[in-house]
Amino acid sequence: MSKESVFTMKLESELREAFMAEAEAAHRPASQVVRELMREFIERQREAREYDEFQRRKVDKAQTSVQAGQGRSNEGV
């Protein structure tokens, strides 16, 4: 992946200083750490959306089953 974009953000100076110190202590460029954090965030969001969709499909299937008279009563469960 080529690095053709610049990302600028505002944050507290204390947060920046602590982040830069930790990146340096890990012997990693801050930009590399930020890219990694962004990729992890993207993956977590994608997984959350997929899980939400999975849950929605399960609920839809259950509701369809109940409406078709194939559900079980509370007592039966």
PDB file of N, CA and C in Angstrom:
ATOM      1  N   MET A   1       0.841  -1.167   0.000  1.00  0.00           N
ATOM      2  CA  MET A   1       0.000   0.000   0.000  1.00  0.00           C
ATOM      3  C   MET A   1       0.894   1.240   0.000  1.00  0.00           C
ATOM      4  N   SER A   2       0.695   2.097  -0.983  1.00  0.00           N
ATOM      5  CA  SER A   2       1.523   3.296  -1.025  1.00  0.00           C
ATOM      6  C   SER A   2       1.012   4.321  -0.022  1.00  0.00           C
ATOM      7  N   LYS A   3       1.908   5.139   0.448  1.00  0.00           N
ATOM      8  CA  LYS A   3       1.574   6.146   1.452  1.00  0.00           C
ATOM      9  C   LYS A   3       1.516   7.494   0.758  1.00  0.00           C
ATOM     10  N   GLU A   4       0.323   7.841   0.258  1.00  0.00           N
ATOM     11  CA  GLU A   4       0.174   9.050  -0.524  1.00  0.00           C
ATOM     12  C   GLU A   4      -0.673  10.115   0.159  1.00  0.00           C
ATOM     13  N   SER A   5      -1.198   9.831   1.338  1.00  0.00           N
ATOM     14  CA  SER A   5      -2.073  10.776   2.014  1.00  0.00           C
ATOM     15  C   SER A   5      -1.443  11.257   3.312  1.00  0.00           C
ATOM     16  N   VAL A   6      -1.813  12.468   3.678  1.00  0.00           N
ATOM     17  CA  VAL A   6      -1.373  13.039   4.945  1.00  0.00           C
ATOM     18  C   VAL A   6      -2.604  13.168   5.822  1.00  0.00           C
ATOM     19  N   PHE A   7      -2.492  12.751   7.081  1.00  0.00           N
ATOM     20  CA  PHE A   7      -3.596  12.803   8.035  1.00  0.00           C
ATOM     21  C   PHE A   7      -3.182  13.736   9.153  1.00  0.00           C
ATOM     22  N   THR A   8      -3.936  14.790   9.339  1.00  0.00           N
ATOM     23  CA  THR A   8      -3.637  15.760  10.383  1.00  0.00           C
ATOM     24  C   THR A   8      -4.755  15.716  11.409  1.00  0.00           C
ATOM     25  N   MET A   9      -4.381  15.744  12.688  1.00  0.00           N
ATOM     26  CA  MET A   9      -5.403  15.731  13.727  1.00  0.00           C
ATOM     27  C   MET A   9      -4.969  16.580  14.906  1.00  0.00           C
ATOM     28  N   LYS A  10      -5.949  17.060  15.634  1.00  0.00           N
ATOM     29  CA  LYS A  10      -5.680  17.841  16.836  1.00  0.00           C
ATOM     30  C   LYS A  10      -5.886  16.947  18.035  1.00  0.00           C
ATOM     31  N   LEU A  11      -4.983  17.048  18.999  1.00  0.00           N
ATOM     32  CA  LEU A  11      -5.117  16.310  20.237  1.00  0.00           C
ATOM     33  C   LEU A  11      -4.362  17.024  21.336  1.00  0.00           C
ATOM     34  N   GLU A  12      -4.624  16.591  22.541  1.00  0.00           N
ATOM     35  CA  GLU A  12      -3.981  17.224  23.689  1.00  0.00           C
ATOM     36  C   GLU A  12      -2.476  16.985  23.624  1.00  0.00           C
ATOM     37  N   SER A  13      -1.708  18.004  24.008  1.00  0.00           N
ATOM     38  CA  SER A  13      -0.250  17.881  23.934  1.00  0.00           C
ATOM     39  C   SER A  13       0.265  16.772  24.856  1.00  0.00           C
ATOM     40  N   GLU A  14      -0.402  16.574  25.998  1.00  0.00           N
ATOM     41  CA  GLU A  14       0.028  15.517  26.915  1.00  0.00           C
ATOM     42  C   GLU A  14      -0.158  14.138  26.281  1.00  0.00           C
ATOM     43  N   LEU A  15      -1.271  13.968  25.575  1.00  0.00           N
ATOM     44  CA  LEU A  15      -1.535  12.700  24.899  1.00  0.00           C
ATOM     45  C   LEU A  15      -0.498  12.459  23.808  1.00  0.00           C
ATOM     46  N   ARG A  16      -0.198  13.490  23.040  1.00  0.00           N
ATOM     47  CA  ARG A  16       0.801  13.361  21.978  1.00  0.00           C
ATOM     48  C   ARG A  16       2.156  13.003  22.556  1.00  0.00           C
ATOM     49  N   GLU A  17       2.562  13.695  23.608  1.00  0.00           N
ATOM     50  CA  GLU A  17       3.868  13.439  24.214  1.00  0.00           C
ATOM     51  C   GLU A  17       3.960  12.018  24.753  1.00  0.00           C
ATOM     52  N   ALA A  18       2.909  11.565  25.434  1.00  0.00           N
ATOM     53  CA  ALA A  18       2.908  10.204  25.978  1.00  0.00           C
ATOM     54  C   ALA A  18       2.941   9.180  24.853  1.00  0.00           C
ATOM     55  N   PHE A  19       2.174   9.417  23.794  1.00  0.00           N
ATOM     56  CA  PHE A  19       2.144   8.503  22.656  1.00  0.00           C
ATOM     57  C   PHE A  19       3.515   8.433  21.985  1.00  0.00           C
ATOM     58  N   MET A  20       4.103   9.572  21.726  1.00  0.00           N
ATOM     59  CA  MET A  20       5.412   9.610  21.072  1.00  0.00           C
ATOM     60  C   MET A  20       6.454   8.903  21.925  1.00  0.00           C
ATOM     61  N   ALA A  21       6.397   9.097  23.247  1.00  0.00           N
ATOM     62  CA  ALA A  21       7.354   8.443  24.139  1.00  0.00           C
ATOM     63  C   ALA A  21       7.186   6.920  24.092  1.00  0.00           C
ATOM     64  N   GLU A  22       5.946   6.445  24.082  1.00  0.00           N
ATOM     65  CA  GLU A  22       5.708   5.002  24.041  1.00  0.00           C
ATOM     66  C   GLU A  22       6.111   4.407  22.694  1.00  0.00           C
ATOM     67  N   ALA A  23       5.843   5.114  21.624  1.00  0.00           N
ATOM     68  CA  ALA A  23       6.262   4.634  20.304  1.00  0.00           C
ATOM     69  C   ALA A  23       7.782   4.538  20.245  1.00  0.00           C
ATOM     70  N   GLU A  24       8.452   5.545  20.779  1.00  0.00           N
ATOM     71  CA  GLU A  24       9.921   5.529  20.795  1.00  0.00           C
ATOM     72  C   GLU A  24      10.445   4.394  21.676  1.00  0.00           C
ATOM     73  N   ALA A  25       9.798   4.178  22.814  1.00  0.00           N
ATOM     74  CA  ALA A  25      10.222   3.103  23.716  1.00  0.00           C
ATOM     75  C   ALA A  25      10.049   1.739  23.051  1.00  0.00           C
ATOM     76  N   ALA A  26       9.067   1.641  22.153  1.00  0.00           N
ATOM     77  CA  ALA A  26       8.832   0.390  21.428  1.00  0.00           C
ATOM     78  C   ALA A  26       9.691   0.304  20.166  1.00  0.00           C
ATOM     79  N   HIS A  27      10.513   1.322  19.939  1.00  0.00           N
ATOM     80  CA  HIS A  27      11.394   1.387  18.765  1.00  0.00           C
ATOM     81  C   HIS A  27      10.593   1.293  17.469  1.00  0.00           C
ATOM     82  N   ARG A  28       9.471   2.015  17.449  1.00  0.00           N
ATOM     83  CA  ARG A  28       8.620   2.023  16.266  1.00  0.00           C
ATOM     84  C   ARG A  28       8.266   3.457  15.921  1.00  0.00           C
ATOM     85  N   PRO A  29       8.205   3.766  14.643  1.00  0.00           N
ATOM     86  CA  PRO A  29       7.771   5.107  14.244  1.00  0.00           C
ATOM     87  C   PRO A  29       6.308   5.319  14.646  1.00  0.00           C
ATOM     88  N   ALA A  30       6.003   6.511  15.097  1.00  0.00           N
ATOM     89  CA  ALA A  30       4.638   6.824  15.518  1.00  0.00           C
ATOM     90  C   ALA A  30       3.647   6.585  14.386  1.00  0.00           C
ATOM     91  N   SER A  31       4.011   6.909  13.170  1.00  0.00           N
ATOM     92  CA  SER A  31       3.095   6.718  12.039  1.00  0.00           C
ATOM     93  C   SER A  31       2.758   5.242  11.837  1.00  0.00           C
ATOM     94  N   GLN A  32       3.726   4.375  12.083  1.00  0.00           N
ATOM     95  CA  GLN A  32       3.477   2.937  11.954  1.00  0.00           C
ATOM     96  C   GLN A  32       2.467   2.476  13.005  1.00  0.00           C
ATOM     97  N   VAL A  33       2.621   2.975  14.221  1.00  0.00           N
ATOM     98  CA  VAL A  33       1.706   2.612  15.300  1.00  0.00           C
ATOM     99  C   VAL A  33       0.301   3.122  14.986  1.00  0.00           C
ATOM    100  N   VAL A  34       0.194   4.337  14.483  1.00  0.00           N
ATOM    101  CA  VAL A  34      -1.118   4.898  14.143  1.00  0.00           C
ATOM    102  C   VAL A  34      -1.773   4.082  13.032  1.00  0.00           C
ATOM    103  N   ARG A  35      -1.023   3.703  12.022  1.00  0.00           N
ATOM    104  CA  ARG A  35      -1.584   2.869  10.949  1.00  0.00           C
ATOM    105  C   ARG A  35      -2.098   1.547  11.511  1.00  0.00           C
ATOM    106  N   GLU A  36      -1.321   0.955  12.408  1.00  0.00           N
ATOM    107  CA  GLU A  36      -1.743  -0.305  13.029  1.00  0.00           C
ATOM    108  C   GLU A  36      -3.040  -0.110  13.827  1.00  0.00           C
ATOM    109  N   LEU A  37      -3.113   0.963  14.595  1.00  0.00           N
ATOM    110  CA  LEU A  37      -4.330   1.252  15.360  1.00  0.00           C
ATOM    111  C   LEU A  37      -5.530   1.460  14.438  1.00  0.00           C
ATOM    112  N   MET A  38      -5.312   2.153  13.330  1.00  0.00           N
ATOM    113  CA  MET A  38      -6.392   2.375  12.365  1.00  0.00           C
ATOM    114  C   MET A  38      -6.868   1.051  11.775  1.00  0.00           C
ATOM    115  N   ARG A  39      -5.935   0.186  11.410  1.00  0.00           N
ATOM    116  CA  ARG A  39      -6.318  -1.113  10.842  1.00  0.00           C
ATOM    117  C   ARG A  39      -7.088  -1.948  11.860  1.00  0.00           C
ATOM    118  N   GLU A  40      -6.643  -1.931  13.113  1.00  0.00           N
ATOM    119  CA  GLU A  40      -7.351  -2.671  14.165  1.00  0.00           C
ATOM    120  C   GLU A  40      -8.753  -2.116  14.367  1.00  0.00           C
ATOM    121  N   PHE A  41      -8.891  -0.807  14.357  1.00  0.00           N
ATOM    122  CA  PHE A  41     -10.198  -0.175  14.510  1.00  0.00           C
ATOM    123  C   PHE A  41     -11.123  -0.573  13.372  1.00  0.00           C
ATOM    124  N   ILE A  42     -10.609  -0.517  12.156  1.00  0.00           N
ATOM    125  CA  ILE A  42     -11.406  -0.902  10.984  1.00  0.00           C
ATOM    126  C   ILE A  42     -11.874  -2.346  11.109  1.00  0.00           C
ATOM    127  N   GLU A  43     -10.989  -3.238  11.504  1.00  0.00           N
ATOM    128  CA  GLU A  43     -11.334  -4.650  11.640  1.00  0.00           C
ATOM    129  C   GLU A  43     -12.383  -4.858  12.735  1.00  0.00           C
ATOM    130  N   ARG A  44     -12.236  -4.185  13.880  1.00  0.00           N
ATOM    131  CA  ARG A  44     -13.224  -4.307  14.959  1.00  0.00           C
ATOM    132  C   ARG A  44     -14.589  -3.813  14.511  1.00  0.00           C
ATOM    133  N   GLN A  45     -14.617  -2.698  13.799  1.00  0.00           N
ATOM    134  CA  GLN A  45     -15.878  -2.146  13.314  1.00  0.00           C
ATOM    135  C   GLN A  45     -16.530  -3.098  12.315  1.00  0.00           C
ATOM    136  N   ARG A  46     -15.735  -3.654  11.423  1.00  0.00           N
ATOM    137  CA  ARG A  46     -16.246  -4.591  10.421  1.00  0.00           C
ATOM    138  C   ARG A  46     -16.829  -5.830  11.113  1.00  0.00           C
ATOM    139  N   GLU A  47     -16.102  -6.366  12.081  1.00  0.00           N
ATOM    140  CA  GLU A  47     -16.587  -7.538  12.814  1.00  0.00           C
ATOM    141  C   GLU A  47     -17.875  -7.222  13.570  1.00  0.00           C
ATOM    142  N   ALA A  48     -17.965  -6.046  14.159  1.00  0.00           N
ATOM    143  CA  ALA A  48     -19.169  -5.653  14.897  1.00  0.00           C
ATOM    144  C   ALA A  48     -20.359  -5.553  13.954  1.00  0.00           C
ATOM    145  N   ARG A  49     -20.153  -4.969  12.775  1.00  0.00           N
ATOM    146  CA  ARG A  49     -21.240  -4.877  11.796  1.00  0.00           C
ATOM    147  C   ARG A  49     -21.681  -6.260  11.337  1.00  0.00           C
ATOM    148  N   GLU A  50     -20.712  -7.136  11.075  1.00  0.00           N
ATOM    149  CA  GLU A  50     -21.042  -8.495  10.636  1.00  0.00           C
ATOM    150  C   GLU A  50     -21.810  -9.241  11.724  1.00  0.00           C
ATOM    151  N   TYR A  51     -21.409  -9.077  12.972  1.00  0.00           N
ATOM    152  CA  TYR A  51     -22.112  -9.738  14.071  1.00  0.00           C
ATOM    153  C   TYR A  51     -23.519  -9.180  14.224  1.00  0.00           C
ATOM    154  N   ASP A  52     -23.670  -7.862  14.115  1.00  0.00           N
ATOM    155  CA  ASP A  52     -24.995  -7.252  14.187  1.00  0.00           C
ATOM    156  C   ASP A  52     -25.902  -7.796  13.083  1.00  0.00           C
ATOM    157  N   GLU A  53     -25.372  -7.944  11.887  1.00  0.00           N
ATOM    158  CA  GLU A  53     -26.138  -8.487  10.771  1.00  0.00           C
ATOM    159  C   GLU A  53     -26.511  -9.946  11.035  1.00  0.00           C
ATOM    160  N   PHE A  54     -25.574 -10.725  11.582  1.00  0.00           N
ATOM    161  CA  PHE A  54     -25.839 -12.110  11.940  1.00  0.00           C
ATOM    162  C   PHE A  54     -26.990 -12.187  12.949  1.00  0.00           C
ATOM    163  N   GLN A  55     -26.930 -11.330  13.970  1.00  0.00           N
ATOM    164  CA  GLN A  55     -27.984 -11.308  14.991  1.00  0.00           C
ATOM    165  C   GLN A  55     -29.328 -10.902  14.383  1.00  0.00           C
ATOM    166  N   ARG A  56     -29.311  -9.907  13.500  1.00  0.00           N
ATOM    167  CA  ARG A  56     -30.543  -9.453  12.856  1.00  0.00           C
ATOM    168  C   ARG A  56     -31.174 -10.581  12.048  1.00  0.00           C
ATOM    169  N   ARG A  57     -30.347 -11.335  11.325  1.00  0.00           N
ATOM    170  CA  ARG A  57     -30.864 -12.459  10.541  1.00  0.00           C
ATOM    171  C   ARG A  57     -31.481 -13.525  11.453  1.00  0.00           C
ATOM    172  N   LYS A  58     -30.831 -13.799  12.581  1.00  0.00           N
ATOM    173  CA  LYS A  58     -31.371 -14.782  13.532  1.00  0.00           C
ATOM    174  C   LYS A  58     -32.720 -14.337  14.072  1.00  0.00           C
ATOM    175  N   VAL A  59     -32.833 -13.066  14.437  1.00  0.00           N
ATOM    176  CA  VAL A  59     -34.087 -12.539  14.968  1.00  0.00           C
ATOM    177  C   VAL A  59     -35.164 -12.590  13.890  1.00  0.00           C
ATOM    178  N   ASP A  60     -34.824 -12.178  12.679  1.00  0.00           N
ATOM    179  CA  ASP A  60     -35.793 -12.223  11.580  1.00  0.00           C
ATOM    180  C   ASP A  60     -36.287 -13.651  11.346  1.00  0.00           C
ATOM    181  N   LYS A  61     -35.376 -14.606  11.363  1.00  0.00           N
ATOM    182  CA  LYS A  61     -35.739 -16.002  11.154  1.00  0.00           C
ATOM    183  C   LYS A  61     -36.656 -16.485  12.280  1.00  0.00           C
ATOM    184  N   ALA A  62     -36.338 -16.131  13.503  1.00  0.00           N
ATOM    185  CA  ALA A  62     -37.160 -16.539  14.644  1.00  0.00           C
ATOM    186  C   ALA A  62     -38.544 -15.905  14.570  1.00  0.00           C
ATOM    187  N   GLN A  63     -38.598 -14.623  14.211  1.00  0.00           N
ATOM    188  CA  GLN A  63     -39.894 -13.955  14.110  1.00  0.00           C
ATOM    189  C   GLN A  63     -40.743 -14.578  13.001  1.00  0.00           C
ATOM    190  N   THR A  64     -40.131 -14.908  11.892  1.00  0.00           N
ATOM    191  CA  THR A  64     -40.842 -15.561  10.795  1.00  0.00           C
ATOM    192  C   THR A  64     -41.375 -16.913  11.251  1.00  0.00           C
ATOM    193  N   SER A  65     -40.570 -17.639  11.999  1.00  0.00           N
ATOM    194  CA  SER A  65     -40.972 -18.943  12.509  1.00  0.00           C
ATOM    195  C   SER A  65     -42.171 -18.814  13.444  1.00  0.00           C
ATOM    196  N   VAL A  66     -42.142 -17.838  14.330  1.00  0.00           N
ATOM    197  CA  VAL A  66     -43.241 -17.620  15.271  1.00  0.00           C
ATOM    198  C   VAL A  66     -44.507 -17.233  14.504  1.00  0.00           C
ATOM    199  N   GLN A  67     -44.371 -16.348  13.535  1.00  0.00           N
ATOM    200  CA  GLN A  67     -45.529 -15.902  12.755  1.00  0.00           C
ATOM    201  C   GLN A  67     -46.138 -17.048  11.951  1.00  0.00           C
ATOM    202  N   ALA A  68     -45.328 -18.023  11.587  1.00  0.00           N
ATOM    203  CA  ALA A  68     -45.816 -19.177  10.832  1.00  0.00           C
ATOM    204  C   ALA A  68     -46.389 -20.250  11.767  1.00  0.00           C
ATOM    205  N   GLY A  69     -46.415 -19.969  13.062  1.00  0.00           N
ATOM    206  CA  GLY A  69     -46.961 -20.918  14.020  1.00  0.00           C
ATOM    207  C   GLY A  69     -46.001 -22.032  14.392  1.00  0.00           C
ATOM    208  N   GLN A  70     -44.729 -21.843  14.095  1.00  0.00           N
ATOM    209  CA  GLN A  70     -43.733 -22.868  14.386  1.00  0.00           C
ATOM    210  C   GLN A  70     -42.941 -22.576  15.654  1.00  0.00           C
ATOM    211  N   GLY A  71     -43.314 -21.495  16.334  1.00  0.00           N
ATOM    212  CA  GLY A  71     -42.596 -21.139  17.551  1.00  0.00           C
ATOM    213  C   GLY A  71     -43.025 -21.988  18.734  1.00  0.00           C
ATOM    214  N   ARG A  72     -42.364 -21.821  19.840  1.00  0.00           N
ATOM    215  CA  ARG A  72     -42.703 -22.534  21.079  1.00  0.00           C
ATOM    216  C   ARG A  72     -43.188 -21.521  22.112  1.00  0.00           C
ATOM    217  N   SER A  73     -44.077 -21.963  22.944  1.00  0.00           N
ATOM    218  CA  SER A  73     -44.581 -21.085  24.007  1.00  0.00           C
ATOM    219  C   SER A  73     -43.498 -20.928  25.083  1.00  0.00           C
ATOM    220  N   ASN A  74     -43.699 -19.951  25.920  1.00  0.00           N
ATOM    221  CA  ASN A  74     -42.776 -19.765  27.048  1.00  0.00           C
ATOM    222  C   ASN A  74     -42.765 -20.995  27.929  1.00  0.00           C
ATOM    223  N   GLU A  75     -43.955 -21.587  28.131  1.00  0.00           N
ATOM    224  CA  GLU A  75     -44.059 -22.769  28.973  1.00  0.00           C
ATOM    225  C   GLU A  75     -43.309 -23.950  28.319  1.00  0.00           C
ATOM    226  N   GLY A  76     -43.396 -24.042  27.018  1.00  0.00           N
ATOM    227  CA  GLY A  76     -42.752 -25.133  26.301  1.00  0.00           C
ATOM    228  C   GLY A  76     -41.240 -25.055  26.322  1.00  0.00           C
ATOM    229  N   VAL A  77     -40.761 -23.848  26.406  1.00  0.00           N
ATOM    230  CA  VAL A  77     -39.311 -23.654  26.432  1.00  0.00           C
ATOM    231  C   VAL A  77     -38.825 -23.949  27.810  1.00  0.00           C
TER     232      VAL A  77
END
